[in-house]
Amino acid sequence: MSEKKQARLVERGANGNGGTYEIWDVGDGCGIYVDFNPRPFLPSNPETMAFNVDLRKRKVTSWDELGVWYEDATGGKAIRELGYEPIEDER
Protein backbone atom coordinates (compact mmCIF):
# COMPACT_ATOMS: atom_id res chain seq x y z
CA MET A 1 0.00 0.00 0.00
CA SER A 2 1.46 3.36 -0.98
CA GLU A 3 1.61 6.15 1.56
CA LYS A 4 -0.40 9.26 0.74
CA LYS A 5 1.66 12.33 -0.16
CA GLN A 6 1.65 15.06 2.46
CA ALA A 7 1.25 18.81 2.06
CA ARG A 8 2.18 21.11 4.94
CA LEU A 9 0.42 24.47 5.34
CA VAL A 10 3.02 27.26 5.09
CA GLU A 11 0.82 30.34 5.02
CA ARG A 12 -2.86 31.33 5.14
CA GLY A 13 -4.30 34.80 4.91
CA ALA A 14 -6.86 37.15 3.40
CA ASN A 15 -6.55 37.92 -0.29
CA GLY A 16 -7.53 41.13 -2.06
CA ASN A 17 -10.93 39.90 -3.20
CA GLY A 18 -12.49 39.16 0.19
CA GLY A 19 -11.50 35.50 0.27
CA THR A 20 -8.67 33.37 1.60
CA TYR A 21 -5.39 32.12 0.14
CA GLU A 22 -3.21 29.25 1.29
CA ILE A 23 0.29 28.12 0.38
CA TRP A 24 1.07 24.43 0.90
CA ASP A 25 4.55 22.84 0.85
CA VAL A 26 4.57 19.54 -1.06
CA GLY A 27 8.35 18.99 -0.86
CA ASP A 28 11.53 19.76 -2.80
CA GLY A 29 10.82 23.50 -2.88
CA CYS A 30 7.50 22.96 -4.63
CA GLY A 31 4.14 24.06 -3.38
CA ILE A 32 0.52 24.63 -4.19
CA TYR A 33 -1.15 28.03 -4.03
CA VAL A 34 -4.88 27.79 -3.26
CA ASP A 35 -6.98 30.92 -3.78
CA PHE A 36 -10.65 31.32 -2.83
CA ASN A 37 -12.62 34.11 -4.48
CA PRO A 38 -16.13 34.46 -3.03
CA ARG A 39 -17.32 36.71 -5.89
CA PRO A 40 -15.30 36.00 -9.08
CA PHE A 41 -17.77 37.40 -11.61
CA LEU A 42 -21.04 38.51 -10.07
CA PRO A 43 -23.51 36.82 -9.99
CA SER A 44 -21.32 33.72 -10.45
CA ASN A 45 -20.69 31.10 -7.78
CA PRO A 46 -17.71 31.30 -5.43
CA GLU A 47 -14.55 29.80 -6.91
CA THR A 48 -11.36 28.25 -5.55
CA MET A 49 -8.39 27.67 -7.83
CA ALA A 50 -5.07 25.89 -7.22
CA PHE A 51 -1.74 26.59 -8.92
CA ASN A 52 1.87 25.35 -8.72
CA VAL A 53 4.21 27.60 -6.76
CA ASP A 54 8.00 27.72 -6.36
CA LEU A 55 8.47 28.09 -2.60
CA ARG A 56 12.08 29.25 -2.91
CA LYS A 57 11.03 32.22 -5.06
CA ARG A 58 7.53 32.53 -3.53
CA LYS A 59 6.17 32.72 -7.05
CA VAL A 60 3.47 30.89 -9.01
CA THR A 61 5.25 28.89 -11.73
CA SER A 62 2.22 28.38 -13.97
CA TRP A 63 -1.23 29.93 -14.09
CA ASP A 64 -2.62 26.68 -15.55
CA GLU A 65 -5.03 25.50 -12.87
CA LEU A 66 -4.34 22.27 -11.01
CA GLY A 67 -7.99 22.29 -9.99
CA VAL A 68 -11.08 24.49 -9.79
CA TRP A 69 -13.89 24.19 -7.23
CA TYR A 70 -17.09 26.25 -7.28
CA GLU A 71 -17.12 26.59 -3.50
CA ASP A 72 -14.69 27.44 -0.73
CA ALA A 73 -12.14 24.61 -0.98
CA THR A 74 -9.61 26.10 1.45
CA GLY A 75 -8.92 24.47 4.81
CA GLY A 76 -7.40 21.39 3.16
CA LYS A 77 -10.30 20.43 0.86
CA ALA A 78 -8.50 21.34 -2.38
CA ILE A 79 -5.28 19.71 -1.15
CA ARG A 80 -7.09 16.46 -0.28
CA GLU A 81 -8.79 16.39 -3.67
CA LEU A 82 -5.40 16.86 -5.35
CA GLY A 83 -4.23 13.67 -3.61
CA TYR A 84 -2.39 15.05 -0.57
CA GLU A 85 -2.85 14.62 3.15
CA PRO A 86 -3.04 18.17 4.58
CA ILE A 87 -0.85 18.84 7.63
CA GLU A 88 -1.51 21.99 9.64
CA ASP A 89 0.85 22.63 12.52
CA GLU A 90 -0.63 23.96 15.74
CA ARG A 91 0.61 27.53 16.13
C-alpha atoms as a PDB file:
ATOM      1  CA  MET A   1       0.000   0.000   0.000  1.00  0.00           C
ATOM      2  CA  SER A   2       1.461   3.360  -0.977  1.00  0.00           C
ATOM      3  CA  GLU A   3       1.606   6.146   1.559  1.00  0.00           C
ATOM      4  CA  LYS A   4      -0.404   9.258   0.740  1.00  0.00           C
ATOM      5  CA  LYS A   5       1.662  12.326  -0.164  1.00  0.00           C
ATOM      6  CA  GLN A   6       1.646  15.064   2.457  1.00  0.00           C
ATOM      7  CA  ALA A   7       1.249  18.813   2.064  1.00  0.00           C
ATOM      8  CA  ARG A   8       2.176  21.111   4.942  1.00  0.00           C
ATOM      9  CA  LEU A   9       0.424  24.469   5.336  1.00  0.00           C
ATOM     10  CA  VAL A  10       3.020  27.264   5.095  1.00  0.00           C
ATOM     11  CA  GLU A  11       0.818  30.339   5.015  1.00  0.00           C
ATOM     12  CA  ARG A  12      -2.857  31.327   5.138  1.00  0.00           C
ATOM     13  CA  GLY A  13      -4.304  34.799   4.909  1.00  0.00           C
ATOM     14  CA  ALA A  14      -6.857  37.150   3.400  1.00  0.00           C
ATOM     15  CA  ASN A  15      -6.545  37.924  -0.286  1.00  0.00           C
ATOM     16  CA  GLY A  16      -7.526  41.131  -2.061  1.00  0.00           C
ATOM     17  CA  ASN A  17     -10.930  39.901  -3.196  1.00  0.00           C
ATOM     18  CA  GLY A  18     -12.493  39.158   0.193  1.00  0.00           C
ATOM     19  CA  GLY A  19     -11.499  35.505   0.267  1.00  0.00           C
ATOM     20  CA  THR A  20      -8.666  33.373   1.601  1.00  0.00           C
ATOM     21  CA  TYR A  21      -5.394  32.124   0.135  1.00  0.00           C
ATOM     22  CA  GLU A  22      -3.209  29.248   1.289  1.00  0.00           C
ATOM     23  CA  ILE A  23       0.293  28.121   0.385  1.00  0.00           C
ATOM     24  CA  TRP A  24       1.075  24.435   0.898  1.00  0.00           C
ATOM     25  CA  ASP A  25       4.547  22.840   0.846  1.00  0.00           C
ATOM     26  CA  VAL A  26       4.570  19.544  -1.057  1.00  0.00           C
ATOM     27  CA  GLY A  27       8.347  18.994  -0.857  1.00  0.00           C
ATOM     28  CA  ASP A  28      11.526  19.755  -2.805  1.00  0.00           C
ATOM     29  CA  GLY A  29      10.823  23.496  -2.881  1.00  0.00           C
ATOM     30  CA  CYS A  30       7.499  22.959  -4.633  1.00  0.00           C
ATOM     31  CA  GLY A  31       4.143  24.056  -3.379  1.00  0.00           C
ATOM     32  CA  ILE A  32       0.517  24.626  -4.190  1.00  0.00           C
ATOM     33  CA  TYR A  33      -1.149  28.025  -4.026  1.00  0.00           C
ATOM     34  CA  VAL A  34      -4.879  27.789  -3.263  1.00  0.00           C
ATOM     35  CA  ASP A  35      -6.978  30.922  -3.781  1.00  0.00           C
ATOM     36  CA  PHE A  36     -10.650  31.322  -2.827  1.00  0.00           C
ATOM     37  CA  ASN A  37     -12.621  34.112  -4.480  1.00  0.00           C
ATOM     38  CA  PRO A  38     -16.132  34.457  -3.027  1.00  0.00           C
ATOM     39  CA  ARG A  39     -17.321  36.707  -5.893  1.00  0.00           C
ATOM     40  CA  PRO A  40     -15.301  36.003  -9.080  1.00  0.00           C
ATOM     41  CA  PHE A  41     -17.773  37.405 -11.611  1.00  0.00           C
ATOM     42  CA  LEU A  42     -21.035  38.510 -10.070  1.00  0.00           C
ATOM     43  CA  PRO A  43     -23.511  36.815  -9.989  1.00  0.00           C
ATOM     44  CA  SER A  44     -21.320  33.719 -10.447  1.00  0.00           C
ATOM     45  CA  ASN A  45     -20.692  31.101  -7.781  1.00  0.00           C
ATOM     46  CA  PRO A  46     -17.713  31.300  -5.432  1.00  0.00           C
ATOM     47  CA  GLU A  47     -14.549  29.803  -6.906  1.00  0.00           C
ATOM     48  CA  THR A  48     -11.358  28.247  -5.554  1.00  0.00           C
ATOM     49  CA  MET A  49      -8.387  27.668  -7.830  1.00  0.00           C
ATOM     50  CA  ALA A  50      -5.070  25.885  -7.215  1.00  0.00           C
ATOM     51  CA  PHE A  51      -1.737  26.585  -8.917  1.00  0.00           C
ATOM     52  CA  ASN A  52       1.872  25.346  -8.719  1.00  0.00           C
ATOM     53  CA  VAL A  53       4.207  27.605  -6.763  1.00  0.00           C
ATOM     54  CA  ASP A  54       8.001  27.725  -6.357  1.00  0.00           C
ATOM     55  CA  LEU A  55       8.466  28.085  -2.598  1.00  0.00           C
ATOM     56  CA  ARG A  56      12.080  29.252  -2.914  1.00  0.00           C
ATOM     57  CA  LYS A  57      11.035  32.224  -5.064  1.00  0.00           C
ATOM     58  CA  ARG A  58       7.530  32.525  -3.527  1.00  0.00           C
ATOM     59  CA  LYS A  59       6.172  32.721  -7.053  1.00  0.00           C
ATOM     60  CA  VAL A  60       3.472  30.892  -9.014  1.00  0.00           C
ATOM     61  CA  THR A  61       5.245  28.890 -11.729  1.00  0.00           C
ATOM     62  CA  SER A  62       2.217  28.381 -13.966  1.00  0.00           C
ATOM     63  CA  TRP A  63      -1.232  29.929 -14.087  1.00  0.00           C
ATOM     64  CA  ASP A  64      -2.615  26.682 -15.545  1.00  0.00           C
ATOM     65  CA  GLU A  65      -5.028  25.497 -12.872  1.00  0.00           C
ATOM     66  CA  LEU A  66      -4.336  22.274 -11.006  1.00  0.00           C
ATOM     67  CA  GLY A  67      -7.987  22.295  -9.992  1.00  0.00           C
ATOM     68  CA  VAL A  68     -11.075  24.490  -9.789  1.00  0.00           C
ATOM     69  CA  TRP A  69     -13.888  24.193  -7.227  1.00  0.00           C
ATOM     70  CA  TYR A  70     -17.093  26.249  -7.285  1.00  0.00           C
ATOM     71  CA  GLU A  71     -17.120  26.591  -3.505  1.00  0.00           C
ATOM     72  CA  ASP A  72     -14.693  27.441  -0.734  1.00  0.00           C
ATOM     73  CA  ALA A  73     -12.140  24.615  -0.979  1.00  0.00           C
ATOM     74  CA  THR A  74      -9.613  26.099   1.451  1.00  0.00           C
ATOM     75  CA  GLY A  75      -8.916  24.468   4.811  1.00  0.00           C
ATOM     76  CA  GLY A  76      -7.403  21.394   3.159  1.00  0.00           C
ATOM     77  CA  LYS A  77     -10.300  20.435   0.863  1.00  0.00           C
ATOM     78  CA  ALA A  78      -8.496  21.337  -2.383  1.00  0.00           C
ATOM     79  CA  ILE A  79      -5.279  19.712  -1.153  1.00  0.00           C
ATOM     80  CA  ARG A  80      -7.087  16.459  -0.276  1.00  0.00           C
ATOM     81  CA  GLU A  81      -8.793  16.391  -3.674  1.00  0.00           C
ATOM     82  CA  LEU A  82      -5.401  16.864  -5.348  1.00  0.00           C
ATOM     83  CA  GLY A  83      -4.231  13.665  -3.614  1.00  0.00           C
ATOM     84  CA  TYR A  84      -2.392  15.053  -0.573  1.00  0.00           C
ATOM     85  CA  GLU A  85      -2.845  14.625   3.146  1.00  0.00           C
ATOM     86  CA  PRO A  86      -3.043  18.170   4.584  1.00  0.00           C
ATOM     87  CA  ILE A  87      -0.846  18.840   7.635  1.00  0.00           C
ATOM     88  CA  GLU A  88      -1.515  21.994   9.644  1.00  0.00           C
ATOM     89  CA  ASP A  89       0.850  22.634  12.523  1.00  0.00           C
ATOM     90  CA  GLU A  90      -0.626  23.962  15.741  1.00  0.00           C
ATOM     91  CA  ARG A  91       0.609  27.531  16.132  1.00  0.00           C
END
